[in-house]
Protein backbone atom coordinates (compact mmCIF):
# COMPACT_ATOMS: atom_id res chain seq x y z
CA MET A 1 97.20 78.59 -186.19
CA THR A 2 96.08 77.36 -189.57
CA SER A 3 95.18 79.78 -192.32
CA TRP A 4 91.45 80.00 -191.56
CA PRO A 5 91.78 80.98 -187.88
CA ARG A 6 94.52 83.43 -188.87
CA ARG A 7 92.23 85.08 -191.40
CA LEU A 8 89.38 85.25 -188.90
CA CYS A 9 91.70 86.86 -186.38
CA GLY A 10 92.62 89.46 -188.96
CA VAL A 11 88.97 90.19 -189.70
CA PHE A 12 88.19 90.52 -185.99
CA VAL A 13 91.09 92.90 -185.43
CA LEU A 14 89.87 94.96 -188.40
CA ALA A 15 86.41 95.11 -186.82
CA VAL A 16 87.96 96.31 -183.55
CA VAL A 17 89.77 99.11 -185.39
CA LEU A 18 86.78 100.19 -187.47
CA LEU A 19 84.05 99.81 -184.84
CA PRO A 20 84.39 103.30 -183.26
CA ALA A 21 84.36 105.03 -186.65
CA GLY A 22 81.54 102.83 -187.84
CA ALA A 23 79.46 103.55 -184.77
CA VAL A 24 79.76 107.28 -185.42
CA ALA A 25 78.75 106.75 -189.04
CA ALA A 26 75.77 104.64 -187.99
CA SER A 27 74.57 107.34 -185.62
CA ALA A 28 75.05 110.06 -188.22
CA HIS A 29 73.30 108.16 -191.02
CA SER A 30 70.55 106.49 -189.03
CA GLY A 31 68.07 109.12 -190.40
CA GLY A 32 64.54 108.14 -191.24
CA LEU A 33 62.34 106.69 -188.55
CA GLU A 34 63.69 106.87 -185.01
CA PRO A 35 62.25 106.57 -181.49
CA GLN A 36 60.47 109.77 -180.47
CA PRO A 37 58.96 111.15 -177.25
CA VAL A 38 55.96 112.75 -179.02
CA LEU A 39 53.21 111.72 -181.41
CA PRO A 40 51.35 114.07 -183.80
CA GLN A 41 47.72 113.31 -184.65
CA VAL A 42 45.06 114.88 -186.87
CA VAL A 43 42.12 116.30 -184.92
CA ALA A 44 39.90 117.75 -187.66
CA VAL A 45 39.68 118.80 -191.30
CA GLU A 46 37.71 122.07 -191.57
CA PRO A 47 35.51 122.14 -193.49
CA ALA A 48 35.11 118.45 -194.15
CA VAL A 49 35.46 117.62 -197.85
CA PRO A 50 33.94 114.35 -199.13
CA GLY A 51 36.68 112.06 -200.41
CA LEU A 52 39.54 113.92 -198.71
CA GLN A 53 41.45 111.97 -196.07
CA VAL A 54 44.36 113.39 -194.10
CA SER A 55 46.29 111.27 -191.60
CA VAL A 56 49.60 111.02 -189.76
CA VAL A 57 51.69 108.03 -190.80
CA GLU A 58 55.01 106.45 -189.86
CA TYR A 59 54.54 107.19 -186.16
CA GLY A 60 54.42 110.93 -186.67
CA ALA A 61 57.15 111.27 -189.28
CA ARG A 62 54.93 112.31 -192.20
CA LEU A 63 51.47 113.51 -193.19
CA ARG A 64 49.47 111.60 -195.78
CA ILE A 65 46.73 112.88 -198.08
CA ASP A 66 44.44 110.50 -199.97
CA ASN A 67 42.68 112.62 -202.56
CA GLY A 68 39.38 111.00 -203.41
CA THR A 69 37.89 114.28 -204.60
CA GLY A 70 37.58 115.45 -208.17
CA SER A 71 39.92 118.41 -207.65
CA PRO A 72 43.64 118.80 -206.96
CA VAL A 73 44.68 119.39 -203.35
CA ASP A 74 47.30 122.10 -202.97
CA VAL A 75 49.17 122.10 -199.66
CA ALA A 76 50.18 125.65 -198.77
CA PRO A 77 53.94 126.12 -198.25
CA ALA A 78 55.20 126.51 -194.70
CA GLY A 79 57.38 129.44 -195.77
CA SER A 80 57.59 131.89 -198.61
CA ALA A 81 58.55 129.20 -201.12
CA ARG A 82 57.34 125.66 -201.70
CA THR A 83 59.79 123.00 -200.52
CA VAL A 84 58.31 119.59 -199.64
CA GLU A 85 54.61 120.51 -199.76
CA PRO A 86 52.85 118.55 -202.53
CA VAL A 87 50.05 119.22 -204.96
CA VAL A 88 47.98 116.03 -204.90
CA ALA A 89 46.18 115.15 -208.10
CA PRO A 90 42.69 113.59 -207.93
CA GLY A 91 42.80 109.87 -207.17
CA THR A 92 46.38 109.89 -205.89
CA THR A 93 48.19 109.84 -202.56
CA ALA A 94 51.04 112.00 -201.25
CA ARG A 95 53.22 111.86 -198.15
CA TRP A 96 55.58 114.50 -196.82
CA ALA A 97 57.32 115.62 -193.65
CA ASP A 98 55.70 118.95 -192.87
CA PRO A 99 57.85 121.40 -190.88
CA ARG A 100 54.75 122.82 -189.16
CA VAL A 101 54.11 119.43 -187.60
CA ALA A 102 57.76 118.80 -186.78
CA GLY A 103 58.02 122.21 -185.12
CA ALA A 104 55.20 121.43 -182.68
CA ASP A 105 57.27 118.95 -180.69
CA GLY A 106 55.55 119.80 -177.43
CA GLY A 107 58.69 120.95 -175.65
CA ALA A 108 59.11 119.36 -172.24
CA GLY A 109 55.53 119.83 -171.04
CA PRO A 110 52.76 117.21 -170.97
CA GLU A 111 50.12 119.42 -172.59
CA PRO A 112 49.24 118.88 -176.29
CA VAL A 113 50.58 121.44 -178.75
CA GLY A 114 48.31 122.43 -181.62
CA TRP A 115 49.32 122.84 -185.25
CA SER A 116 47.56 123.54 -188.53
CA VAL A 117 48.25 122.99 -192.23
CA PRO A 118 46.20 125.00 -194.78
CA LEU A 119 45.10 123.37 -198.03
CA THR A 120 43.18 124.33 -201.11
CA VAL A 121 40.84 121.74 -202.59
CA GLY A 122 39.89 123.16 -205.94
CA ASP A 123 38.62 126.61 -204.98
CA THR A 124 37.83 125.67 -201.36
CA ALA A 125 40.15 126.71 -198.54
CA VAL A 126 40.61 123.91 -196.00
CA VAL A 127 42.58 123.73 -192.76
CA VAL A 128 43.93 120.52 -191.26
CA ARG A 129 44.09 120.90 -187.48
CA GLY A 130 46.09 118.60 -185.28
CA GLU A 131 47.95 118.33 -182.04
CA THR A 132 51.17 116.77 -180.86
CA VAL A 133 50.88 114.79 -177.64
CA ARG A 134 53.53 113.38 -175.33
CA PRO A 135 52.60 109.82 -174.31
CA PRO A 136 53.92 108.51 -170.98
CA ALA A 137 57.50 107.39 -171.48
CA PRO A 138 58.87 104.17 -169.98
CA SER A 139 61.64 104.17 -167.42
CA PRO A 140 64.90 103.35 -169.23
CA GLY A 141 66.53 101.90 -166.10
CA PRO A 142 65.10 98.35 -166.29
CA TRP A 143 65.97 98.09 -169.97
CA TRP A 144 69.56 99.16 -169.35
CA LEU A 145 69.78 96.64 -166.50
CA LEU A 146 68.57 93.90 -168.86
CA THR A 147 71.14 94.99 -171.44
CA ALA A 148 73.94 94.97 -168.86
CA ALA A 149 72.90 91.54 -167.55
CA VAL A 150 72.90 90.04 -171.04
CA ALA A 151 76.27 91.63 -171.82
CA ALA A 152 77.77 90.30 -168.57
CA ALA A 153 76.41 86.80 -169.17
CA ALA A 154 77.76 86.77 -172.72
CA THR A 155 81.17 88.00 -171.54
CA VAL A 156 81.46 85.34 -168.82
CA LEU A 157 80.27 82.53 -171.08
CA GLY A 158 82.56 83.60 -173.89
CA SER A 159 85.57 83.79 -171.59
CA LEU A 160 84.91 80.24 -170.36
CA ALA A 161 84.12 78.95 -173.83
CA VAL A 162 87.76 78.77 -174.90
CA ARG A 163 88.40 76.16 -172.17
CA ARG A 164 85.10 74.41 -171.52
CA ARG A 165 82.95 72.61 -174.06
CA ALA A 166 79.67 73.29 -172.23
CA ALA A 167 80.37 77.02 -172.09
CA ALA A 168 81.23 77.00 -175.80
CA ILE A 169 77.88 75.37 -176.65
CA ALA A 170 76.07 77.90 -174.43
CA THR A 171 77.90 80.75 -176.18
CA ALA A 172 76.87 79.38 -179.57
CA ALA A 173 73.25 79.20 -178.40
CA LEU A 174 73.45 82.77 -177.09
CA SER A 175 74.84 83.90 -180.44
CA VAL A 176 71.90 82.30 -182.26
CA GLY A 177 69.47 83.92 -179.82
CA MET A 178 71.15 87.29 -180.38
CA VAL A 179 70.68 87.17 -184.15
CA ALA A 180 67.12 85.86 -183.72
CA SER A 181 66.37 88.98 -181.65
CA TYR A 182 67.94 91.12 -184.34
CA VAL A 183 65.81 89.47 -187.04
CA VAL A 184 62.63 90.16 -185.02
CA HIS A 185 63.76 93.76 -184.60
CA VAL A 186 64.29 94.11 -188.36
CA LEU A 187 60.98 92.45 -189.26
CA GLY A 188 59.03 94.72 -186.92
CA SER A 189 60.89 97.85 -188.00
CA ALA A 190 60.17 97.10 -191.66
CA LEU A 191 56.44 97.41 -190.91
CA ALA A 192 56.79 101.07 -189.94
CA PRO A 193 57.22 102.77 -193.36
CA ASP A 194 53.91 103.57 -195.01
CA ASP A 195 52.78 101.73 -198.15
CA VAL A 196 56.05 100.11 -199.23
CA ASP A 197 56.87 96.58 -200.32
CA TYR A 198 57.58 94.63 -197.14
CA TRP A 199 60.36 92.21 -198.04
CA PRO A 200 62.49 94.72 -199.96
CA THR A 201 62.12 96.97 -196.92
CA VAL A 202 63.31 94.12 -194.68
CA TRP A 203 66.41 93.76 -196.84
CA ARG A 204 67.11 97.50 -196.82
CA THR A 205 66.65 97.62 -193.05
CA ALA A 206 69.13 94.80 -192.44
CA GLY A 207 71.49 95.71 -195.26
CA VAL A 208 74.66 93.88 -196.17
CA VAL A 209 76.24 94.36 -192.73
CA GLY A 210 73.22 92.94 -190.92
CA THR A 211 73.08 89.96 -193.26
CA VAL A 212 76.79 89.28 -192.74
CA ALA A 213 76.27 89.47 -188.96
CA VAL A 214 73.48 86.88 -189.08
CA VAL A 215 75.45 84.53 -191.35
CA ALA A 216 78.59 84.88 -189.20
CA ALA A 217 76.68 84.03 -186.01
CA LEU A 218 75.01 80.98 -187.52
CA ALA A 219 78.23 79.73 -189.12
CA GLY A 220 80.12 80.31 -185.88
CA ALA A 221 77.53 78.35 -183.89
CA VAL A 222 77.78 75.41 -186.30
CA LEU A 223 81.57 75.41 -186.06
CA VAL A 224 81.46 75.54 -182.27
CA VAL A 225 79.11 72.55 -182.14
CA ALA A 226 81.51 70.77 -184.50
CA GLY A 227 84.33 71.36 -182.02
CA ARG A 228 86.14 74.15 -183.88
CA ARG A 229 87.15 76.84 -181.42
CA PHE A 230 87.61 79.50 -184.08
CA GLY A 231 83.82 79.42 -184.52
CA LEU A 232 83.76 81.52 -181.35
CA LEU A 233 85.63 84.22 -183.24
CA LEU A 234 82.86 84.32 -185.85
CA CYS A 235 80.32 84.73 -183.04
CA ALA A 236 82.40 87.60 -181.65
CA LEU A 237 82.61 89.22 -185.09
CA SER A 238 78.82 88.99 -185.42
CA GLY A 239 78.46 90.61 -182.01
CA ALA A 240 80.71 93.51 -183.03
CA LEU A 241 78.65 94.14 -186.17
CA LEU A 242 75.35 94.04 -184.28
CA VAL A 243 76.63 96.50 -181.68
CA LEU A 244 77.38 98.82 -184.59
CA LEU A 245 73.92 98.34 -186.11
CA THR A 246 71.79 98.60 -182.96
CA GLY A 247 73.70 101.22 -180.99
CA ALA A 248 71.38 104.00 -182.18
CA ASP A 249 68.29 101.94 -181.28
CA VAL A 250 68.84 102.06 -177.52
CA GLY A 251 66.89 105.33 -177.63
CA SER A 252 63.81 103.12 -177.55
CA PHE A 253 64.47 102.47 -173.84
CA GLY A 254 63.32 105.97 -172.84
CA ASN A 255 60.96 107.00 -175.65
CA ALA A 256 57.27 106.20 -175.88
CA VAL A 257 56.81 106.28 -179.67
CA LEU A 258 58.72 103.58 -181.52
CA PRO A 259 58.73 102.97 -185.29
CA PHE A 260 57.93 99.29 -184.81
CA GLY A 261 54.98 97.35 -186.17
CA TRP A 262 54.36 95.22 -183.07
CA ALA A 263 54.31 95.82 -179.31
CA PRO A 264 56.80 98.54 -178.25
CA ASP A 265 58.12 96.43 -175.37
CA LEU A 266 58.98 93.66 -177.84
CA ASP A 267 61.17 96.14 -179.69
CA ARG A 268 62.88 97.13 -176.44
CA VAL A 269 63.48 93.48 -175.50
CA THR A 270 64.99 92.66 -178.89
CA THR A 271 67.21 95.74 -178.73
CA ALA A 272 68.44 94.85 -175.24
CA LEU A 273 69.18 91.24 -176.23
CA THR A 274 70.87 92.21 -179.49
CA PHE A 275 72.95 95.11 -178.18
CA GLY A 276 73.82 93.48 -174.85
CA GLY A 277 74.58 90.09 -176.36
CA GLY A 278 76.58 91.64 -179.16
CA LEU A 279 78.65 93.72 -176.75
CA GLY A 280 79.42 90.70 -174.56
CA LEU A 281 80.37 88.50 -177.50
CA PHE A 282 82.50 91.28 -178.96
CA LEU A 283 84.45 91.52 -175.69
CA THR A 284 84.97 87.75 -175.57
CA GLY A 285 86.64 87.94 -178.94
CA PHE A 286 89.81 89.15 -177.21
CA ALA A 287 89.88 86.02 -175.02
CA VAL A 288 89.40 83.89 -178.12
CA LEU A 289 92.25 85.72 -179.86
CA ARG A 290 94.56 84.98 -176.93
CA ALA A 291 93.56 81.32 -176.92
CA LEU A 292 94.10 80.95 -180.67
CA THR A 293 97.43 82.78 -180.72
CA PRO A 294 100.30 80.26 -180.49
CA ALA A 295 102.81 80.73 -177.71
CA PRO A 296 106.19 82.04 -178.87
CA PRO A 297 108.85 79.34 -179.22
CA PRO A 298 111.33 79.06 -176.34
CA ASP A 299 114.64 80.83 -176.73
CA PRO A 300 117.39 78.53 -178.04
CA PRO A 301 120.06 77.61 -175.49
CA THR A 302 123.02 79.93 -175.58
CA ALA A 303 126.31 78.44 -176.75
CA PRO A 304 128.96 78.34 -174.01
CA ASP A 305 131.73 80.86 -174.30
CA ALA A 306 134.77 79.42 -176.09
CA ALA A 307 137.06 80.84 -173.44
CA GLU A 308 135.21 78.91 -170.75
CA ASP A 309 135.84 75.60 -172.60
CA LEU A 310 139.65 75.93 -172.51
CA ASP A 311 141.59 73.71 -170.17
CA PRO A 312 143.38 75.73 -167.47
CA ALA A 313 146.64 74.05 -168.46
CA GLU A 314 146.17 75.20 -172.04
CA GLU A 315 145.41 78.74 -170.86
CA SER A 316 148.80 78.83 -169.04
CA ARG A 317 150.71 78.06 -172.22
């Protein structure tokens, strides 16, 4: 191998070593907005106060108060001491994750669970009443079947790609489709946070690792089309990174409430294509490594024993 394929092989092996630890880290630090089985919603504000708006944002993650009154709005603490509960000045907006809402998760039953959050608007006591509902959840089976089918197709294509040009082109196309699905997933997920700048949120959602995965897949596809087999290794590296990034998102297969700005099924499709395609391409990286590893040189012929070369007549002397 030349230096570039050798370096790519080293990077791929490093990804193989770090992937299990990285997957644990991704699951542990995936905080923020995640798929949920329940959805809180505000039912009433009693008594109604002109200019006061209370809503649930970010798919149930936080409450939001828009204070259009002339008085401060003081959210009563959930416990004996104030923690996250804000005091909202007139003309401003506040968002917070209220433990009273989070605690009304509905359990396992289908019936709504009520909750309430007391406020004080100036000298007026107000109560925000809401309920947490459990929307019908999709069956995760078909989504897992789609994921497995994509992973199997990517594995078969990638295994053939090291020997057949047509399979290599198909693998490159699958790699591009995988990162396109990931980009759609990121763009839709960046719409979920409330009242933030969109494009910076897109960048934070993808992060450096996601950006590297997209660039690696596109560069690998270009190299494959150009006839460079080590481009397949870049596609495999991209797949390994996307498995790391989307492993925690497969929870969308069985949850009804998804932090995604477009249709929920679109999020599930993009997750299945990204995770399944990434897993298949990651597995094909081992076949590519074998194909790019040069065969060991043959053993040199052994020198004949000096004793065997002696003439029998000389031995008798």
